[in-house]
Amino acid sequence: MARSTYSVTRAQSQLPRLVRRAESGALVGIARRDETVAYLLSREYLEAIVETLEVLANSAAQKAIAAHRAGRTRFVPLSALDPDE
């Protein structure tokens, strides 16, 4: 993921272009006095971050991931879950 940093003043003057860059997958930093204070990122990227945080906060999901990594997960066809069969 490409990342560029712009001053607040420059970002204000180029906001539509920077939003398009963020929508296309770039992470755009905004700096004040040479310190990055904010980022522009796409909705898709933010949703992926939130989803990852939700999985990391879910102890059952973490146990399932650990079991899979340890080779203790057994997969069955979806049809095996169908109560009509």
PDB file of N, CA and C in Angstrom:
ATOM      1  N   MET A   1       0.843  -1.167   0.000  1.00  0.00           N
ATOM      2  CA  MET A   1       0.000   0.000   0.000  1.00  0.00           C
ATOM      3  C   MET A   1       0.893   1.236   0.000  1.00  0.00           C
ATOM      4  N   ALA A   2       0.681   2.061  -0.993  1.00  0.00           N
ATOM      5  CA  ALA A   2       1.461   3.286  -1.098  1.00  0.00           C
ATOM      6  C   ALA A   2       1.047   4.262  -0.013  1.00  0.00           C
ATOM      7  N   ARG A   3       2.019   5.003   0.505  1.00  0.00           N
ATOM      8  CA  ARG A   3       1.710   5.997   1.529  1.00  0.00           C
ATOM      9  C   ARG A   3       2.451   7.276   1.194  1.00  0.00           C
ATOM     10  N   SER A   4       1.715   8.378   1.247  1.00  0.00           N
ATOM     11  CA  SER A   4       2.284   9.696   1.035  1.00  0.00           C
ATOM     12  C   SER A   4       1.822  10.584   2.167  1.00  0.00           C
ATOM     13  N   THR A   5       2.633  11.583   2.497  1.00  0.00           N
ATOM     14  CA  THR A   5       2.258  12.506   3.562  1.00  0.00           C
ATOM     15  C   THR A   5       2.255  13.923   3.022  1.00  0.00           C
ATOM     16  N   TYR A   6       1.219  14.662   3.410  1.00  0.00           N
ATOM     17  CA  TYR A   6       1.033  16.035   2.961  1.00  0.00           C
ATOM     18  C   TYR A   6       0.850  16.936   4.169  1.00  0.00           C
ATOM     19  N   SER A   7       1.279  18.185   4.044  1.00  0.00           N
ATOM     20  CA  SER A   7       1.016  19.158   5.103  1.00  0.00           C
ATOM     21  C   SER A   7      -0.482  19.439   5.133  1.00  0.00           C
ATOM     22  N   VAL A   8      -0.974  19.964   6.242  1.00  0.00           N
ATOM     23  CA  VAL A   8      -2.387  20.289   6.358  1.00  0.00           C
ATOM     24  C   VAL A   8      -2.788  21.267   5.255  1.00  0.00           C
ATOM     25  N   THR A   9      -1.986  22.281   5.026  1.00  0.00           N
ATOM     26  CA  THR A   9      -2.294  23.292   4.013  1.00  0.00           C
ATOM     27  C   THR A   9      -2.367  22.674   2.630  1.00  0.00           C
ATOM     28  N   ARG A  10      -1.386  21.846   2.296  1.00  0.00           N
ATOM     29  CA  ARG A  10      -1.377  21.202   0.979  1.00  0.00           C
ATOM     30  C   ARG A  10      -2.540  20.217   0.845  1.00  0.00           C
ATOM     31  N   ALA A  11      -2.847  19.501   1.912  1.00  0.00           N
ATOM     32  CA  ALA A  11      -3.965  18.552   1.869  1.00  0.00           C
ATOM     33  C   ALA A  11      -5.291  19.288   1.669  1.00  0.00           C
ATOM     34  N   GLN A  12      -5.450  20.443   2.306  1.00  0.00           N
ATOM     35  CA  GLN A  12      -6.674  21.217   2.132  1.00  0.00           C
ATOM     36  C   GLN A  12      -6.852  21.637   0.675  1.00  0.00           C
ATOM     37  N   SER A  13      -5.770  22.037   0.052  1.00  0.00           N
ATOM     38  CA  SER A  13      -5.879  22.512  -1.329  1.00  0.00           C
ATOM     39  C   SER A  13      -6.038  21.370  -2.333  1.00  0.00           C
ATOM     40  N   GLN A  14      -5.706  20.135  -1.923  1.00  0.00           N
ATOM     41  CA  GLN A  14      -5.771  18.986  -2.834  1.00  0.00           C
ATOM     42  C   GLN A  14      -6.715  17.894  -2.339  1.00  0.00           C
ATOM     43  N   LEU A  15      -7.643  18.252  -1.466  1.00  0.00           N
ATOM     44  CA  LEU A  15      -8.477  17.241  -0.824  1.00  0.00           C
ATOM     45  C   LEU A  15      -9.213  16.319  -1.802  1.00  0.00           C
ATOM     46  N   PRO A  16      -9.879  16.823  -2.838  1.00  0.00           N
ATOM     47  CA  PRO A  16     -10.565  15.888  -3.745  1.00  0.00           C
ATOM     48  C   PRO A  16      -9.613  14.846  -4.356  1.00  0.00           C
ATOM     49  N   ARG A  17      -8.427  15.269  -4.745  1.00  0.00           N
ATOM     50  CA  ARG A  17      -7.451  14.343  -5.323  1.00  0.00           C
ATOM     51  C   ARG A  17      -6.968  13.343  -4.276  1.00  0.00           C
ATOM     52  N   LEU A  18      -6.755  13.806  -3.046  1.00  0.00           N
ATOM     53  CA  LEU A  18      -6.282  12.909  -1.998  1.00  0.00           C
ATOM     54  C   LEU A  18      -7.354  11.891  -1.612  1.00  0.00           C
ATOM     55  N   VAL A  19      -8.614  12.304  -1.631  1.00  0.00           N
ATOM     56  CA  VAL A  19      -9.700  11.363  -1.360  1.00  0.00           C
ATOM     57  C   VAL A  19      -9.733  10.287  -2.443  1.00  0.00           C
ATOM     58  N   ARG A  20      -9.568  10.680  -3.688  1.00  0.00           N
ATOM     59  CA  ARG A  20      -9.526   9.688  -4.775  1.00  0.00           C
ATOM     60  C   ARG A  20      -8.359   8.726  -4.581  1.00  0.00           C
ATOM     61  N   ARG A  21      -7.210   9.237  -4.162  1.00  0.00           N
ATOM     62  CA  ARG A  21      -6.052   8.365  -3.911  1.00  0.00           C
ATOM     63  C   ARG A  21      -6.363   7.374  -2.800  1.00  0.00           C
ATOM     64  N   ALA A  22      -6.989   7.856  -1.733  1.00  0.00           N
ATOM     65  CA  ALA A  22      -7.350   6.968  -0.628  1.00  0.00           C
ATOM     66  C   ALA A  22      -8.352   5.913  -1.093  1.00  0.00           C
ATOM     67  N   GLU A  23      -9.327   6.325  -1.897  1.00  0.00           N
ATOM     68  CA  GLU A  23     -10.312   5.373  -2.427  1.00  0.00           C
ATOM     69  C   GLU A  23      -9.651   4.290  -3.268  1.00  0.00           C
ATOM     70  N   SER A  24      -8.560   4.633  -3.928  1.00  0.00           N
ATOM     71  CA  SER A  24      -7.879   3.656  -4.782  1.00  0.00           C
ATOM     72  C   SER A  24      -6.898   2.777  -4.008  1.00  0.00           C
ATOM     73  N   GLY A  25      -6.827   2.961  -2.696  1.00  0.00           N
ATOM     74  CA  GLY A  25      -5.999   2.078  -1.879  1.00  0.00           C
ATOM     75  C   GLY A  25      -4.783   2.702  -1.243  1.00  0.00           C
ATOM     76  N   ALA A  26      -4.482   3.958  -1.561  1.00  0.00           N
ATOM     77  CA  ALA A  26      -3.316   4.607  -0.963  1.00  0.00           C
ATOM     78  C   ALA A  26      -3.650   5.061   0.456  1.00  0.00           C
ATOM     79  N   LEU A  27      -2.679   5.022   1.318  1.00  0.00           N
ATOM     80  CA  LEU A  27      -2.816   5.561   2.665  1.00  0.00           C
ATOM     81  C   LEU A  27      -2.197   6.954   2.621  1.00  0.00           C
ATOM     82  N   VAL A  28      -2.993   7.969   2.895  1.00  0.00           N
ATOM     83  CA  VAL A  28      -2.542   9.356   2.770  1.00  0.00           C
ATOM     84  C   VAL A  28      -2.394   9.949   4.162  1.00  0.00           C
ATOM     85  N   GLY A  29      -1.183  10.345   4.510  1.00  0.00           N
ATOM     86  CA  GLY A  29      -0.924  10.967   5.802  1.00  0.00           C
ATOM     87  C   GLY A  29      -1.054  12.477   5.706  1.00  0.00           C
ATOM     88  N   ILE A  30      -1.473  13.091   6.805  1.00  0.00           N
ATOM     89  CA  ILE A  30      -1.567  14.538   6.895  1.00  0.00           C
ATOM     90  C   ILE A  30      -0.743  14.963   8.094  1.00  0.00           C
ATOM     91  N   ALA A  31       0.198  15.885   7.852  1.00  0.00           N
ATOM     92  CA  ALA A  31       1.148  16.271   8.888  1.00  0.00           C
ATOM     93  C   ALA A  31       1.021  17.739   9.255  1.00  0.00           C
ATOM     94  N   ARG A  32       1.294  18.001  10.515  1.00  0.00           N
ATOM     95  CA  ARG A  32       1.393  19.361  11.022  1.00  0.00           C
ATOM     96  C   ARG A  32       2.755  19.479  11.695  1.00  0.00           C
ATOM     97  N   ARG A  33       3.527  20.445  11.269  1.00  0.00           N
ATOM     98  CA  ARG A  33       4.891  20.659  11.812  1.00  0.00           C
ATOM     99  C   ARG A  33       5.724  19.368  11.766  1.00  0.00           C
ATOM    100  N   ASP A  34       5.706  18.713  10.621  1.00  0.00           N
ATOM    101  CA  ASP A  34       6.496  17.505  10.357  1.00  0.00           C
ATOM    102  C   ASP A  34       6.098  16.296  11.197  1.00  0.00           C
ATOM    103  N   GLU A  35       4.933  16.321  11.816  1.00  0.00           N
ATOM    104  CA  GLU A  35       4.443  15.154  12.556  1.00  0.00           C
ATOM    105  C   GLU A  35       3.101  14.740  11.960  1.00  0.00           C
ATOM    106  N   THR A  36       2.995  13.469  11.578  1.00  0.00           N
ATOM    107  CA  THR A  36       1.743  12.980  11.017  1.00  0.00           C
ATOM    108  C   THR A  36       0.685  12.978  12.109  1.00  0.00           C
ATOM    109  N   VAL A  37      -0.439  13.657  11.827  1.00  0.00           N
ATOM    110  CA  VAL A  37      -1.506  13.798  12.820  1.00  0.00           C
ATOM    111  C   VAL A  37      -2.804  13.115  12.389  1.00  0.00           C
ATOM    112  N   ALA A  38      -2.900  12.720  11.116  1.00  0.00           N
ATOM    113  CA  ALA A  38      -4.129  12.085  10.631  1.00  0.00           C
ATOM    114  C   ALA A  38      -3.824  11.293   9.363  1.00  0.00           C
ATOM    115  N   TYR A  39      -4.749  10.406   9.023  1.00  0.00           N
ATOM    116  CA  TYR A  39      -4.645   9.634   7.786  1.00  0.00           C
ATOM    117  C   TYR A  39      -5.986   9.649   7.063  1.00  0.00           C
ATOM    118  N   LEU A  40      -5.915   9.625   5.745  1.00  0.00           N
ATOM    119  CA  LEU A  40      -7.080   9.365   4.903  1.00  0.00           C
ATOM    120  C   LEU A  40      -6.918   7.943   4.398  1.00  0.00           C
ATOM    121  N   LEU A  41      -7.975   7.142   4.532  1.00  0.00           N
ATOM    122  CA  LEU A  41      -7.933   5.791   4.010  1.00  0.00           C
ATOM    123  C   LEU A  41      -9.322   5.427   3.512  1.00  0.00           C
ATOM    124  N   SER A  42      -9.387   4.453   2.645  1.00  0.00           N
ATOM    125  CA  SER A  42     -10.664   4.076   2.048  1.00  0.00           C
ATOM    126  C   SER A  42     -11.576   3.426   3.083  1.00  0.00           C
ATOM    127  N   ARG A  43     -12.864   3.490   2.804  1.00  0.00           N
ATOM    128  CA  ARG A  43     -13.848   2.826   3.655  1.00  0.00           C
ATOM    129  C   ARG A  43     -13.555   1.326   3.708  1.00  0.00           C
ATOM    130  N   GLU A  44     -13.200   0.754   2.564  1.00  0.00           N
ATOM    131  CA  GLU A  44     -12.911  -0.682   2.494  1.00  0.00           C
ATOM    132  C   GLU A  44     -11.753  -1.062   3.424  1.00  0.00           C
ATOM    133  N   TYR A  45     -10.711  -0.243   3.423  1.00  0.00           N
ATOM    134  CA  TYR A  45      -9.551  -0.522   4.269  1.00  0.00           C
ATOM    135  C   TYR A  45      -9.915  -0.383   5.748  1.00  0.00           C
ATOM    136  N   LEU A  46     -10.686   0.648   6.090  1.00  0.00           N
ATOM    137  CA  LEU A  46     -11.103   0.829   7.472  1.00  0.00           C
ATOM    138  C   LEU A  46     -11.991  -0.325   7.923  1.00  0.00           C
ATOM    139  N   GLU A  47     -12.907  -0.763   7.070  1.00  0.00           N
ATOM    140  CA  GLU A  47     -13.774  -1.892   7.422  1.00  0.00           C
ATOM    141  C   GLU A  47     -12.951  -3.156   7.660  1.00  0.00           C
ATOM    142  N   ALA A  48     -11.899  -3.355   6.877  1.00  0.00           N
ATOM    143  CA  ALA A  48     -11.023  -4.516   7.073  1.00  0.00           C
ATOM    144  C   ALA A  48     -10.297  -4.428   8.418  1.00  0.00           C
ATOM    145  N   ILE A  49      -9.860  -3.226   8.782  1.00  0.00           N
ATOM    146  CA  ILE A  49      -9.201  -3.028  10.083  1.00  0.00           C
ATOM    147  C   ILE A  49     -10.176  -3.346  11.215  1.00  0.00           C
ATOM    148  N   VAL A  50     -11.391  -2.823  11.120  1.00  0.00           N
ATOM    149  CA  VAL A  50     -12.401  -3.051  12.161  1.00  0.00           C
ATOM    150  C   VAL A  50     -12.719  -4.538  12.273  1.00  0.00           C
ATOM    151  N   GLU A  51     -12.864  -5.219  11.140  1.00  0.00           N
ATOM    152  CA  GLU A  51     -13.152  -6.650  11.160  1.00  0.00           C
ATOM    153  C   GLU A  51     -12.019  -7.426  11.832  1.00  0.00           C
ATOM    154  N   THR A  52     -10.788  -7.066  11.519  1.00  0.00           N
ATOM    155  CA  THR A  52      -9.635  -7.724  12.136  1.00  0.00           C
ATOM    156  C   THR A  52      -9.636  -7.508  13.645  1.00  0.00           C
ATOM    157  N   LEU A  53      -9.927  -6.285  14.082  1.00  0.00           N
ATOM    158  CA  LEU A  53      -9.971  -5.999  15.517  1.00  0.00           C
ATOM    159  C   LEU A  53     -11.082  -6.794  16.203  1.00  0.00           C
ATOM    160  N   GLU A  54     -12.211  -6.943  15.530  1.00  0.00           N
ATOM    161  CA  GLU A  54     -13.310  -7.727  16.101  1.00  0.00           C
ATOM    162  C   GLU A  54     -12.916  -9.189  16.263  1.00  0.00           C
ATOM    163  N   VAL A  55     -12.239  -9.750  15.278  1.00  0.00           N
ATOM    164  CA  VAL A  55     -11.786 -11.139  15.366  1.00  0.00           C
ATOM    165  C   VAL A  55     -10.761 -11.280  16.483  1.00  0.00           C
ATOM    166  N   LEU A  56      -9.838 -10.348  16.574  1.00  0.00           N
ATOM    167  CA  LEU A  56      -8.812 -10.418  17.620  1.00  0.00           C
ATOM    168  C   LEU A  56      -9.402 -10.284  19.020  1.00  0.00           C
ATOM    169  N   ALA A  57     -10.527  -9.578  19.139  1.00  0.00           N
ATOM    170  CA  ALA A  57     -11.170  -9.391  20.440  1.00  0.00           C
ATOM    171  C   ALA A  57     -12.089 -10.556  20.810  1.00  0.00           C
ATOM    172  N   ASN A  58     -12.346 -11.465  19.890  1.00  0.00           N
ATOM    173  CA  ASN A  58     -13.268 -12.571  20.109  1.00  0.00           C
ATOM    174  C   ASN A  58     -12.473 -13.809  20.525  1.00  0.00           C
ATOM    175  N   SER A  59     -12.624 -14.212  21.785  1.00  0.00           N
ATOM    176  CA  SER A  59     -11.824 -15.342  22.283  1.00  0.00           C
ATOM    177  C   SER A  59     -12.169 -16.646  21.576  1.00  0.00           C
ATOM    178  N   ALA A  60     -13.431 -16.841  21.216  1.00  0.00           N
ATOM    179  CA  ALA A  60     -13.810 -18.067  20.495  1.00  0.00           C
ATOM    180  C   ALA A  60     -13.156 -18.099  19.117  1.00  0.00           C
ATOM    181  N   ALA A  61     -13.114 -16.966  18.454  1.00  0.00           N
ATOM    182  CA  ALA A  61     -12.463 -16.900  17.142  1.00  0.00           C
ATOM    183  C   ALA A  61     -10.970 -17.165  17.283  1.00  0.00           C
ATOM    184  N   GLN A  62     -10.357 -16.622  18.310  1.00  0.00           N
ATOM    185  CA  GLN A  62      -8.928 -16.849  18.529  1.00  0.00           C
ATOM    186  C   GLN A  62      -8.638 -18.323  18.788  1.00  0.00           C
ATOM    187  N   LYS A  63      -9.498 -18.987  19.557  1.00  0.00           N
ATOM    188  CA  LYS A  63      -9.312 -20.419  19.810  1.00  0.00           C
ATOM    189  C   LYS A  63      -9.464 -21.214  18.521  1.00  0.00           C
ATOM    190  N   ALA A  64     -10.434 -20.850  17.693  1.00  0.00           N
ATOM    191  CA  ALA A  64     -10.639 -21.544  16.415  1.00  0.00           C
ATOM    192  C   ALA A  64      -9.443 -21.350  15.490  1.00  0.00           C
ATOM    193  N   ILE A  65      -8.898 -20.147  15.461  1.00  0.00           N
ATOM    194  CA  ILE A  65      -7.717 -19.872  14.630  1.00  0.00           C
ATOM    195  C   ILE A  65      -6.525 -20.688  15.128  1.00  0.00           C
ATOM    196  N   ALA A  66      -6.336 -20.719  16.445  1.00  0.00           N
ATOM    197  CA  ALA A  66      -5.221 -21.489  17.019  1.00  0.00           C
ATOM    198  C   ALA A  66      -5.385 -22.976  16.721  1.00  0.00           C
ATOM    199  N   ALA A  67      -6.613 -23.482  16.818  1.00  0.00           N
ATOM    200  CA  ALA A  67      -6.856 -24.901  16.524  1.00  0.00           C
ATOM    201  C   ALA A  67      -6.556 -25.201  15.066  1.00  0.00           C
ATOM    202  N   HIS A  68      -6.960 -24.301  14.185  1.00  0.00           N
ATOM    203  CA  HIS A  68      -6.685 -24.505  12.755  1.00  0.00           C
ATOM    204  C   HIS A  68      -5.178 -24.507  12.489  1.00  0.00           C
ATOM    205  N   ARG A  69      -4.482 -23.560  13.063  1.00  0.00           N
ATOM    206  CA  ARG A  69      -3.019 -23.489  12.860  1.00  0.00           C
ATOM    207  C   ARG A  69      -2.314 -24.719  13.414  1.00  0.00           C
ATOM    208  N   ALA A  70      -2.874 -25.306  14.462  1.00  0.00           N
ATOM    209  CA  ALA A  70      -2.269 -26.503  15.065  1.00  0.00           C
ATOM    210  C   ALA A  70      -2.708 -27.781  14.355  1.00  0.00           C
ATOM    211  N   GLY A  71      -3.543 -27.647  13.320  1.00  0.00           N
ATOM    212  CA  GLY A  71      -3.984 -28.816  12.561  1.00  0.00           C
ATOM    213  C   GLY A  71      -5.088 -29.607  13.233  1.00  0.00           C
ATOM    214  N   ARG A  72      -5.797 -28.995  14.183  1.00  0.00           N
ATOM    215  CA  ARG A  72      -6.853 -29.700  14.916  1.00  0.00           C
ATOM    216  C   ARG A  72      -8.255 -29.377  14.382  1.00  0.00           C
ATOM    217  N   THR A  73      -8.337 -28.772  13.229  1.00  0.00           N
ATOM    218  CA  THR A  73      -9.632 -28.406  12.667  1.00  0.00           C
ATOM    219  C   THR A  73     -10.068 -29.449  11.654  1.00  0.00           C
ATOM    220  N   ARG A  74     -11.319 -29.865  11.757  1.00  0.00           N
ATOM    221  CA  ARG A  74     -11.875 -30.830  10.814  1.00  0.00           C
ATOM    222  C   ARG A  74     -12.956 -30.114  10.007  1.00  0.00           C
ATOM    223  N   PHE A  75     -12.835 -30.150   8.706  1.00  0.00           N
ATOM    224  CA  PHE A  75     -13.800 -29.513   7.827  1.00  0.00           C
ATOM    225  C   PHE A  75     -14.757 -30.552   7.285  1.00  0.00           C
ATOM    226  N   VAL A  76     -16.023 -30.167   7.173  1.00  0.00           N
ATOM    227  CA  VAL A  76     -17.048 -31.045   6.611  1.00  0.00           C
ATOM    228  C   VAL A  76     -17.760 -30.270   5.514  1.00  0.00           C
ATOM    229  N   PRO A  77     -18.375 -30.987   4.559  1.00  0.00           N
ATOM    230  CA  PRO A  77     -19.124 -30.290   3.515  1.00  0.00           C
ATOM    231  C   PRO A  77     -20.315 -29.549   4.133  1.00  0.00           C
ATOM    232  N   LEU A  78     -20.727 -28.469   3.524  1.00  0.00           N
ATOM    233  CA  LEU A  78     -21.874 -27.716   4.014  1.00  0.00           C
ATOM    234  C   LEU A  78     -23.128 -28.573   4.043  1.00  0.00           C
ATOM    235  N   SER A  79     -23.225 -29.514   3.126  1.00  0.00           N
ATOM    236  CA  SER A  79     -24.404 -30.395   3.092  1.00  0.00           C
ATOM    237  C   SER A  79     -24.532 -31.203   4.387  1.00  0.00           C
ATOM    238  N   ALA A  80     -23.430 -31.443   5.079  1.00  0.00           N
ATOM    239  CA  ALA A  80     -23.474 -32.174   6.345  1.00  0.00           C
ATOM    240  C   ALA A  80     -24.175 -31.375   7.435  1.00  0.00           C
ATOM    241  N   LEU A  81     -24.291 -30.075   7.240  1.00  0.00           N
ATOM    242  CA  LEU A  81     -24.946 -29.218   8.212  1.00  0.00           C
ATOM    243  C   LEU A  81     -26.429 -29.037   7.928  1.00  0.00           C
ATOM    244  N   ASP A  82     -26.891 -29.527   6.790  1.00  0.00           N
ATOM    245  CA  ASP A  82     -28.286 -29.368   6.383  1.00  0.00           C
ATOM    246  C   ASP A  82     -29.168 -30.335   7.170  1.00  0.00           C
ATOM    247  N   PRO A  83     -30.120 -29.842   7.964  1.00  0.00           N
ATOM    248  CA  PRO A  83     -30.954 -30.723   8.780  1.00  0.00           C
ATOM    249  C   PRO A  83     -31.944 -31.557   7.969  1.00  0.00           C
ATOM    250  N   ASP A  84     -32.181 -31.190   6.699  1.00  0.00           N
ATOM    251  CA  ASP A  84     -33.146 -31.909   5.873  1.00  0.00           C
ATOM    252  C   ASP A  84     -32.578 -33.205   5.310  1.00  0.00           C
ATOM    253  N   GLU A  85     -31.320 -33.400   5.410  1.00  0.00           N
ATOM    254  CA  GLU A  85     -30.706 -34.601   4.811  1.00  0.00           C
ATOM    255  C   GLU A  85     -30.435 -35.641   5.866  1.00  0.00           C
TER     256      GLU A  85
END
